[in-house]
Full PDB file with SEQRES, HELIX, SHEET, SSBOND, CRYST1, ORIGX, SCALE, CONECT and MASTER records, all heavy atoms in Angstrom:
SEQRES   1 A   31  LEU ARG ALA ILE ALA VAL SER LEU GLY LEU PRO GLY TRP          
SEQRES   2 A   31  SER ALA ASP HIS VAL ALA ARG VAL PHE VAL GLY THR ASP          
SEQRES   3 A   31  LEU ARG VAL VAL SER                                          
HELIX    1 AA1 ARG A    2  SER A    7  1                                   6    
HELIX    2 AA2 TRP A   13  VAL A   21  1                                   9    
HELIX    3 AA3 LEU A   27  VAL A   30  1                                   4    
CRYST1    1.000    1.000    1.000  90.00  90.00  90.00 P 1           1          
ORIGX1      1.000000  0.000000  0.000000        0.00000                         
ORIGX2      0.000000  1.000000  0.000000        0.00000                         
ORIGX3      0.000000  0.000000  1.000000        0.00000                         
SCALE1      1.000000  0.000000  0.000000        0.00000                         
SCALE2      0.000000  1.000000  0.000000        0.00000                         
SCALE3      0.000000  0.000000  1.000000        0.00000                         
ATOM      1  N   LEU A   1     -13.208  84.488 161.786  1.00  0.00           N  
ATOM      2  CA  LEU A   1     -12.088  83.718 161.342  1.00  0.00           C  
ATOM      3  C   LEU A   1     -12.402  82.886 160.095  1.00  0.00           C  
ATOM      4  O   LEU A   1     -11.528  82.628 159.249  1.00  0.00           O  
ATOM      5  CB  LEU A   1     -11.654  82.779 162.506  1.00  0.00           C  
ATOM      6  CG  LEU A   1     -10.703  83.449 163.524  1.00  0.00           C  
ATOM      7  CD1 LEU A   1     -10.542  82.492 164.697  1.00  0.00           C  
ATOM      8  CD2 LEU A   1      -9.385  83.828 162.946  1.00  0.00           C  
ATOM      9  N   ARG A   2     -13.623  82.388 159.977  1.00  0.00           N  
ATOM     10  CA  ARG A   2     -13.903  81.487 158.836  1.00  0.00           C  
ATOM     11  C   ARG A   2     -13.943  82.380 157.575  1.00  0.00           C  
ATOM     12  O   ARG A   2     -13.420  81.871 156.492  1.00  0.00           O  
ATOM     13  CB  ARG A   2     -15.338  80.929 159.019  1.00  0.00           C  
ATOM     14  CG  ARG A   2     -15.726  79.943 157.975  1.00  0.00           C  
ATOM     15  CD  ARG A   2     -17.050  79.294 158.314  1.00  0.00           C  
ATOM     16  NE  ARG A   2     -16.812  78.279 159.388  1.00  0.00           N  
ATOM     17  CZ  ARG A   2     -16.583  76.991 159.135  1.00  0.00           C  
ATOM     18  NH1 ARG A   2     -16.445  76.567 157.926  1.00  0.00           N  
ATOM     19  NH2 ARG A   2     -16.316  76.120 160.137  1.00  0.00           N  
ATOM     20  N   ALA A   3     -14.365  83.608 157.614  1.00  0.00           N  
ATOM     21  CA  ALA A   3     -14.212  84.468 156.393  1.00  0.00           C  
ATOM     22  C   ALA A   3     -12.783  84.778 156.051  1.00  0.00           C  
ATOM     23  O   ALA A   3     -12.381  84.820 154.866  1.00  0.00           O  
ATOM     24  CB  ALA A   3     -14.929  85.832 156.721  1.00  0.00           C  
ATOM     25  N   ILE A   4     -11.917  84.953 157.103  1.00  0.00           N  
ATOM     26  CA  ILE A   4     -10.523  85.147 156.857  1.00  0.00           C  
ATOM     27  C   ILE A   4      -9.868  83.884 156.255  1.00  0.00           C  
ATOM     28  O   ILE A   4      -9.057  83.996 155.297  1.00  0.00           O  
ATOM     29  CB  ILE A   4      -9.771  85.516 158.146  1.00  0.00           C  
ATOM     30  CG1 ILE A   4     -10.238  86.863 158.657  1.00  0.00           C  
ATOM     31  CG2 ILE A   4      -8.309  85.575 157.958  1.00  0.00           C  
ATOM     32  CD1 ILE A   4      -9.675  87.280 159.946  1.00  0.00           C  
ATOM     33  N   ALA A   5     -10.292  82.729 156.706  1.00  0.00           N  
ATOM     34  CA  ALA A   5      -9.729  81.467 156.244  1.00  0.00           C  
ATOM     35  C   ALA A   5     -10.106  81.369 154.657  1.00  0.00           C  
ATOM     36  O   ALA A   5      -9.207  80.972 153.846  1.00  0.00           O  
ATOM     37  CB  ALA A   5     -10.311  80.323 156.933  1.00  0.00           C  
ATOM     38  N   VAL A   6     -11.317  81.599 154.293  1.00  0.00           N  
ATOM     39  CA  VAL A   6     -11.666  81.547 152.941  1.00  0.00           C  
ATOM     40  C   VAL A   6     -10.877  82.522 152.055  1.00  0.00           C  
ATOM     41  O   VAL A   6     -10.451  82.224 150.902  1.00  0.00           O  
ATOM     42  CB  VAL A   6     -13.201  81.795 152.751  1.00  0.00           C  
ATOM     43  CG1 VAL A   6     -13.702  81.898 151.320  1.00  0.00           C  
ATOM     44  CG2 VAL A   6     -14.023  80.701 153.470  1.00  0.00           C  
ATOM     45  N   SER A   7     -10.706  83.750 152.601  1.00  0.00           N  
ATOM     46  CA  SER A   7      -9.963  84.743 151.833  1.00  0.00           C  
ATOM     47  C   SER A   7      -8.490  84.308 151.726  1.00  0.00           C  
ATOM     48  O   SER A   7      -7.862  84.593 150.649  1.00  0.00           O  
ATOM     49  CB  SER A   7     -10.013  86.074 152.554  1.00  0.00           C  
ATOM     50  OG  SER A   7      -9.204  87.029 151.922  1.00  0.00           O  
ATOM     51  N   LEU A   8      -7.970  83.536 152.657  1.00  0.00           N  
ATOM     52  CA  LEU A   8      -6.543  83.090 152.561  1.00  0.00           C  
ATOM     53  C   LEU A   8      -6.429  81.798 151.696  1.00  0.00           C  
ATOM     54  O   LEU A   8      -5.292  81.419 151.460  1.00  0.00           O  
ATOM     55  CB  LEU A   8      -6.006  82.752 154.010  1.00  0.00           C  
ATOM     56  CG  LEU A   8      -5.799  83.991 154.913  1.00  0.00           C  
ATOM     57  CD1 LEU A   8      -5.294  83.446 156.289  1.00  0.00           C  
ATOM     58  CD2 LEU A   8      -4.766  84.950 154.279  1.00  0.00           C  
ATOM     59  N   GLY A   9      -7.558  81.314 151.190  1.00  0.00           N  
ATOM     60  CA  GLY A   9      -7.448  80.135 150.459  1.00  0.00           C  
ATOM     61  C   GLY A   9      -7.331  78.882 151.281  1.00  0.00           C  
ATOM     62  O   GLY A   9      -6.948  77.808 150.743  1.00  0.00           O  
ATOM     63  N   LEU A  10      -7.755  78.916 152.530  1.00  0.00           N  
ATOM     64  CA  LEU A  10      -7.733  77.748 153.418  1.00  0.00           C  
ATOM     65  C   LEU A  10      -9.072  77.123 153.474  1.00  0.00           C  
ATOM     66  O   LEU A  10     -10.104  77.867 153.312  1.00  0.00           O  
ATOM     67  CB  LEU A  10      -7.204  78.171 154.793  1.00  0.00           C  
ATOM     68  CG  LEU A  10      -5.827  78.711 154.837  1.00  0.00           C  
ATOM     69  CD1 LEU A  10      -5.524  79.245 156.254  1.00  0.00           C  
ATOM     70  CD2 LEU A  10      -4.782  77.545 154.526  1.00  0.00           C  
ATOM     71  N   PRO A  11      -9.168  75.898 153.862  1.00  0.00           N  
ATOM     72  CA  PRO A  11     -10.536  75.263 154.048  1.00  0.00           C  
ATOM     73  C   PRO A  11     -11.221  75.960 155.243  1.00  0.00           C  
ATOM     74  O   PRO A  11     -10.575  76.304 156.196  1.00  0.00           O  
ATOM     75  CB  PRO A  11     -10.213  73.821 154.283  1.00  0.00           C  
ATOM     76  CG  PRO A  11      -8.775  73.723 154.685  1.00  0.00           C  
ATOM     77  CD  PRO A  11      -8.141  74.853 153.982  1.00  0.00           C  
ATOM     78  N   GLY A  12     -12.497  75.917 155.252  1.00  0.00           N  
ATOM     79  CA  GLY A  12     -13.277  76.630 156.312  1.00  0.00           C  
ATOM     80  C   GLY A  12     -13.126  76.019 157.615  1.00  0.00           C  
ATOM     81  O   GLY A  12     -13.047  76.700 158.680  1.00  0.00           O  
ATOM     82  N   TRP A  13     -12.853  74.643 157.713  1.00  0.00           N  
ATOM     83  CA  TRP A  13     -12.664  73.978 159.027  1.00  0.00           C  
ATOM     84  C   TRP A  13     -11.345  74.414 159.661  1.00  0.00           C  
ATOM     85  O   TRP A  13     -11.262  74.215 160.911  1.00  0.00           O  
ATOM     86  CB  TRP A  13     -12.643  72.468 158.810  1.00  0.00           C  
ATOM     87  CG  TRP A  13     -11.624  71.972 157.861  1.00  0.00           C  
ATOM     88  CD1 TRP A  13     -11.844  71.534 156.518  1.00  0.00           C  
ATOM     89  CD2 TRP A  13     -10.269  71.776 158.058  1.00  0.00           C  
ATOM     90  NE1 TRP A  13     -10.724  71.108 155.941  1.00  0.00           N  
ATOM     91  CE2 TRP A  13      -9.601  71.197 156.849  1.00  0.00           C  
ATOM     92  CE3 TRP A  13      -9.363  71.922 159.142  1.00  0.00           C  
ATOM     93  CZ2 TRP A  13      -8.305  70.980 156.715  1.00  0.00           C  
ATOM     94  CZ3 TRP A  13      -8.064  71.562 159.008  1.00  0.00           C  
ATOM     95  CH2 TRP A  13      -7.482  71.101 157.827  1.00  0.00           C  
ATOM     96  N   SER A  14     -10.417  74.990 158.938  1.00  0.00           N  
ATOM     97  CA  SER A  14      -9.168  75.442 159.568  1.00  0.00           C  
ATOM     98  C   SER A  14      -9.380  76.569 160.625  1.00  0.00           C  
ATOM     99  O   SER A  14      -8.703  76.688 161.566  1.00  0.00           O  
ATOM    100  CB  SER A  14      -8.224  75.927 158.511  1.00  0.00           C  
ATOM    101  OG  SER A  14      -8.705  77.009 157.815  1.00  0.00           O  
ATOM    102  N   ALA A  15     -10.536  77.354 160.425  1.00  0.00           N  
ATOM    103  CA  ALA A  15     -10.836  78.436 161.379  1.00  0.00           C  
ATOM    104  C   ALA A  15     -11.291  77.770 162.721  1.00  0.00           C  
ATOM    105  O   ALA A  15     -10.890  78.332 163.807  1.00  0.00           O  
ATOM    106  CB  ALA A  15     -11.938  79.300 160.838  1.00  0.00           C  
ATOM    107  N   ASP A  16     -11.942  76.664 162.641  1.00  0.00           N  
ATOM    108  CA  ASP A  16     -12.312  76.024 163.917  1.00  0.00           C  
ATOM    109  C   ASP A  16     -11.138  75.264 164.591  1.00  0.00           C  
ATOM    110  O   ASP A  16     -11.165  74.978 165.753  1.00  0.00           O  
ATOM    111  CB  ASP A  16     -13.457  75.014 163.563  1.00  0.00           C  
ATOM    112  CG  ASP A  16     -14.660  75.645 162.993  1.00  0.00           C  
ATOM    113  OD1 ASP A  16     -14.936  76.811 163.231  1.00  0.00           O  
ATOM    114  OD2 ASP A  16     -15.347  74.953 162.096  1.00  0.00           O  
ATOM    115  N   HIS A  17     -10.095  74.981 163.822  1.00  0.00           N  
ATOM    116  CA  HIS A  17      -8.948  74.342 164.335  1.00  0.00           C  
ATOM    117  C   HIS A  17      -7.963  75.258 165.034  1.00  0.00           C  
ATOM    118  O   HIS A  17      -7.045  74.691 165.722  1.00  0.00           O  
ATOM    119  CB  HIS A  17      -8.231  73.593 163.175  1.00  0.00           C  
ATOM    120  CG  HIS A  17      -7.264  72.568 163.531  1.00  0.00           C  
ATOM    121  ND1 HIS A  17      -7.616  71.379 163.974  1.00  0.00           N  
ATOM    122  CD2 HIS A  17      -5.862  72.615 163.649  1.00  0.00           C  
ATOM    123  CE1 HIS A  17      -6.530  70.651 164.365  1.00  0.00           C  
ATOM    124  NE2 HIS A  17      -5.440  71.418 164.067  1.00  0.00           N  
ATOM    125  N   VAL A  18      -8.133  76.582 164.857  1.00  0.00           N  
ATOM    126  CA  VAL A  18      -7.124  77.470 165.505  1.00  0.00           C  
ATOM    127  C   VAL A  18      -7.062  77.319 166.947  1.00  0.00           C  
ATOM    128  O   VAL A  18      -6.012  77.240 167.606  1.00  0.00           O  
ATOM    129  CB  VAL A  18      -7.502  78.895 165.140  1.00  0.00           C  
ATOM    130  CG1 VAL A  18      -6.588  79.840 165.836  1.00  0.00           C  
ATOM    131  CG2 VAL A  18      -7.360  79.112 163.569  1.00  0.00           C  
ATOM    132  N   ALA A  19      -8.219  77.197 167.672  1.00  0.00           N  
ATOM    133  CA  ALA A  19      -8.227  77.180 169.114  1.00  0.00           C  
ATOM    134  C   ALA A  19      -7.490  75.913 169.577  1.00  0.00           C  
ATOM    135  O   ALA A  19      -6.753  75.954 170.587  1.00  0.00           O  
ATOM    136  CB  ALA A  19      -9.636  77.171 169.641  1.00  0.00           C  
ATOM    137  N   ARG A  20      -7.619  74.765 168.917  1.00  0.00           N  
ATOM    138  CA  ARG A  20      -6.918  73.558 169.345  1.00  0.00           C  
ATOM    139  C   ARG A  20      -5.418  73.735 169.148  1.00  0.00           C  
ATOM    140  O   ARG A  20      -4.621  73.143 169.873  1.00  0.00           O  
ATOM    141  CB  ARG A  20      -7.452  72.361 168.525  1.00  0.00           C  
ATOM    142  CG  ARG A  20      -8.884  71.989 168.804  1.00  0.00           C  
ATOM    143  CD  ARG A  20      -9.182  70.613 168.223  1.00  0.00           C  
ATOM    144  NE  ARG A  20      -9.322  70.717 166.832  1.00  0.00           N  
ATOM    145  CZ  ARG A  20     -10.416  70.994 166.167  1.00  0.00           C  
ATOM    146  NH1 ARG A  20     -11.507  71.224 166.831  1.00  0.00           N  
ATOM    147  NH2 ARG A  20     -10.461  70.947 164.842  1.00  0.00           N  
ATOM    148  N   VAL A  21      -5.021  74.424 168.130  1.00  0.00           N  
ATOM    149  CA  VAL A  21      -3.469  74.675 167.967  1.00  0.00           C  
ATOM    150  C   VAL A  21      -2.904  75.399 169.081  1.00  0.00           C  
ATOM    151  O   VAL A  21      -1.772  75.112 169.544  1.00  0.00           O  
ATOM    152  CB  VAL A  21      -3.292  75.348 166.609  1.00  0.00           C  
ATOM    153  CG1 VAL A  21      -1.773  75.756 166.472  1.00  0.00           C  
ATOM    154  CG2 VAL A  21      -3.748  74.540 165.449  1.00  0.00           C  
ATOM    155  N   PHE A  22      -3.589  76.367 169.618  1.00  0.00           N  
ATOM    156  CA  PHE A  22      -3.076  77.221 170.689  1.00  0.00           C  
ATOM    157  C   PHE A  22      -3.370  76.718 172.106  1.00  0.00           C  
ATOM    158  O   PHE A  22      -3.040  77.482 173.078  1.00  0.00           O  
ATOM    159  CB  PHE A  22      -3.642  78.684 170.553  1.00  0.00           C  
ATOM    160  CG  PHE A  22      -3.047  79.317 169.310  1.00  0.00           C  
ATOM    161  CD1 PHE A  22      -3.828  79.484 168.129  1.00  0.00           C  
ATOM    162  CD2 PHE A  22      -1.793  79.873 169.271  1.00  0.00           C  
ATOM    163  CE1 PHE A  22      -3.339  80.081 167.037  1.00  0.00           C  
ATOM    164  CE2 PHE A  22      -1.310  80.546 168.137  1.00  0.00           C  
ATOM    165  CZ  PHE A  22      -2.055  80.590 166.995  1.00  0.00           C  
ATOM    166  N   VAL A  23      -3.946  75.549 172.264  1.00  0.00           N  
ATOM    167  CA  VAL A  23      -4.229  75.072 173.581  1.00  0.00           C  
ATOM    168  C   VAL A  23      -2.950  74.834 174.353  1.00  0.00           C  
ATOM    169  O   VAL A  23      -1.960  74.236 173.897  1.00  0.00           O  
ATOM    170  CB  VAL A  23      -5.033  73.723 173.470  1.00  0.00           C  
ATOM    171  CG1 VAL A  23      -5.026  72.999 174.837  1.00  0.00           C  
ATOM    172  CG2 VAL A  23      -6.476  73.958 172.970  1.00  0.00           C  
ATOM    173  N   GLY A  24      -2.973  75.262 175.698  1.00  0.00           N  
ATOM    174  CA  GLY A  24      -1.765  75.116 176.448  1.00  0.00           C  
ATOM    175  C   GLY A  24      -0.750  76.195 176.265  1.00  0.00           C  
ATOM    176  O   GLY A  24       0.344  76.083 176.958  1.00  0.00           O  
ATOM    177  N   THR A  25      -0.853  77.168 175.464  1.00  0.00           N  
ATOM    178  CA  THR A  25       0.130  78.119 175.204  1.00  0.00           C  
ATOM    179  C   THR A  25      -0.191  79.456 176.031  1.00  0.00           C  
ATOM    180  O   THR A  25      -1.345  79.580 176.442  1.00  0.00           O  
ATOM    181  CB  THR A  25       0.268  78.546 173.685  1.00  0.00           C  
ATOM    182  OG1 THR A  25      -1.012  79.092 173.286  1.00  0.00           O  
ATOM    183  CG2 THR A  25       0.612  77.357 172.932  1.00  0.00           C  
ATOM    184  N   ASP A  26       0.760  80.221 176.269  1.00  0.00           N  
ATOM    185  CA  ASP A  26       0.551  81.531 176.973  1.00  0.00           C  
ATOM    186  C   ASP A  26      -0.036  82.509 175.996  1.00  0.00           C  
ATOM    187  O   ASP A  26       0.734  82.984 174.993  1.00  0.00           O  
ATOM    188  CB  ASP A  26       1.870  81.996 177.550  1.00  0.00           C  
ATOM    189  CG  ASP A  26       1.683  83.263 178.503  1.00  0.00           C  
ATOM    190  OD1 ASP A  26       0.701  83.973 178.225  1.00  0.00           O  
ATOM    191  OD2 ASP A  26       2.503  83.462 179.324  1.00  0.00           O  
ATOM    192  N   LEU A  27      -1.312  82.834 176.039  1.00  0.00           N  
ATOM    193  CA  LEU A  27      -1.987  83.633 175.059  1.00  0.00           C  
ATOM    194  C   LEU A  27      -1.274  85.047 174.950  1.00  0.00           C  
ATOM    195  O   LEU A  27      -1.235  85.645 173.865  1.00  0.00           O  
ATOM    196  CB  LEU A  27      -3.422  83.752 175.402  1.00  0.00           C  
ATOM    197  CG  LEU A  27      -4.276  82.513 175.251  1.00  0.00           C  
ATOM    198  CD1 LEU A  27      -5.707  82.756 175.555  1.00  0.00           C  
ATOM    199  CD2 LEU A  27      -4.098  81.798 173.902  1.00  0.00           C  
ATOM    200  N   ARG A  28      -0.842  85.540 176.112  1.00  0.00           N  
ATOM    201  CA  ARG A  28      -0.158  86.870 176.031  1.00  0.00           C  
ATOM    202  C   ARG A  28       1.104  86.840 175.245  1.00  0.00           C  
ATOM    203  O   ARG A  28       1.392  87.740 174.472  1.00  0.00           O  
ATOM    204  CB  ARG A  28       0.065  87.327 177.427  1.00  0.00           C  
ATOM    205  CG  ARG A  28       0.606  88.808 177.438  1.00  0.00           C  
ATOM    206  CD  ARG A  28       0.530  89.416 178.860  1.00  0.00           C  
ATOM    207  NE  ARG A  28       0.967  90.814 178.810  1.00  0.00           N  
ATOM    208  CZ  ARG A  28       0.165  91.824 178.507  1.00  0.00           C  
ATOM    209  NH1 ARG A  28      -1.124  91.528 178.141  1.00  0.00           N  
ATOM    210  NH2 ARG A  28       0.560  93.062 178.530  1.00  0.00           N  
ATOM    211  N   VAL A  29       1.909  85.802 175.437  1.00  0.00           N  
ATOM    212  CA  VAL A  29       3.181  85.662 174.648  1.00  0.00           C  
ATOM    213  C   VAL A  29       2.880  85.546 173.161  1.00  0.00           C  
ATOM    214  O   VAL A  29       3.491  86.199 172.299  1.00  0.00           O  
ATOM    215  CB  VAL A  29       3.947  84.429 175.115  1.00  0.00           C  
ATOM    216  CG1 VAL A  29       5.178  84.196 174.210  1.00  0.00           C  
ATOM    217  CG2 VAL A  29       4.478  84.670 176.568  1.00  0.00           C  
ATOM    218  N   VAL A  30       1.863  84.739 172.806  1.00  0.00           N  
ATOM    219  CA  VAL A  30       1.531  84.558 171.424  1.00  0.00           C  
ATOM    220  C   VAL A  30       1.036  85.860 170.796  1.00  0.00           C  
ATOM    221  O   VAL A  30       1.396  86.274 169.708  1.00  0.00           O  
ATOM    222  CB  VAL A  30       0.458  83.417 171.258  1.00  0.00           C  
ATOM    223  CG1 VAL A  30      -0.035  83.303 169.846  1.00  0.00           C  
ATOM    224  CG2 VAL A  30       1.030  82.091 171.670  1.00  0.00           C  
ATOM    225  N   SER A  31       0.125  86.580 171.538  1.00  0.00           N  
ATOM    226  CA  SER A  31      -0.462  87.787 171.018  1.00  0.00           C  
ATOM    227  C   SER A  31       0.631  88.836 170.895  1.00  0.00           C  
ATOM    228  O   SER A  31       0.638  89.664 169.934  1.00  0.00           O  
ATOM    229  CB  SER A  31      -1.595  88.240 171.920  1.00  0.00           C  
ATOM    230  OG  SER A  31      -1.174  88.545 173.230  1.00  0.00           O  
TER     231      SER A  31                                                      
MASTER        0    0    0    3    0    0    0    6  230    1    0    3          
END                                                                             
């Protein structure tokens, strides 16, 4: 995810933030 973030032009820390964004959601619905 960190390599994807850099390729997207996002800061590297945003890759570590993804899990916090999806906390409490139904992972199957999101996927």
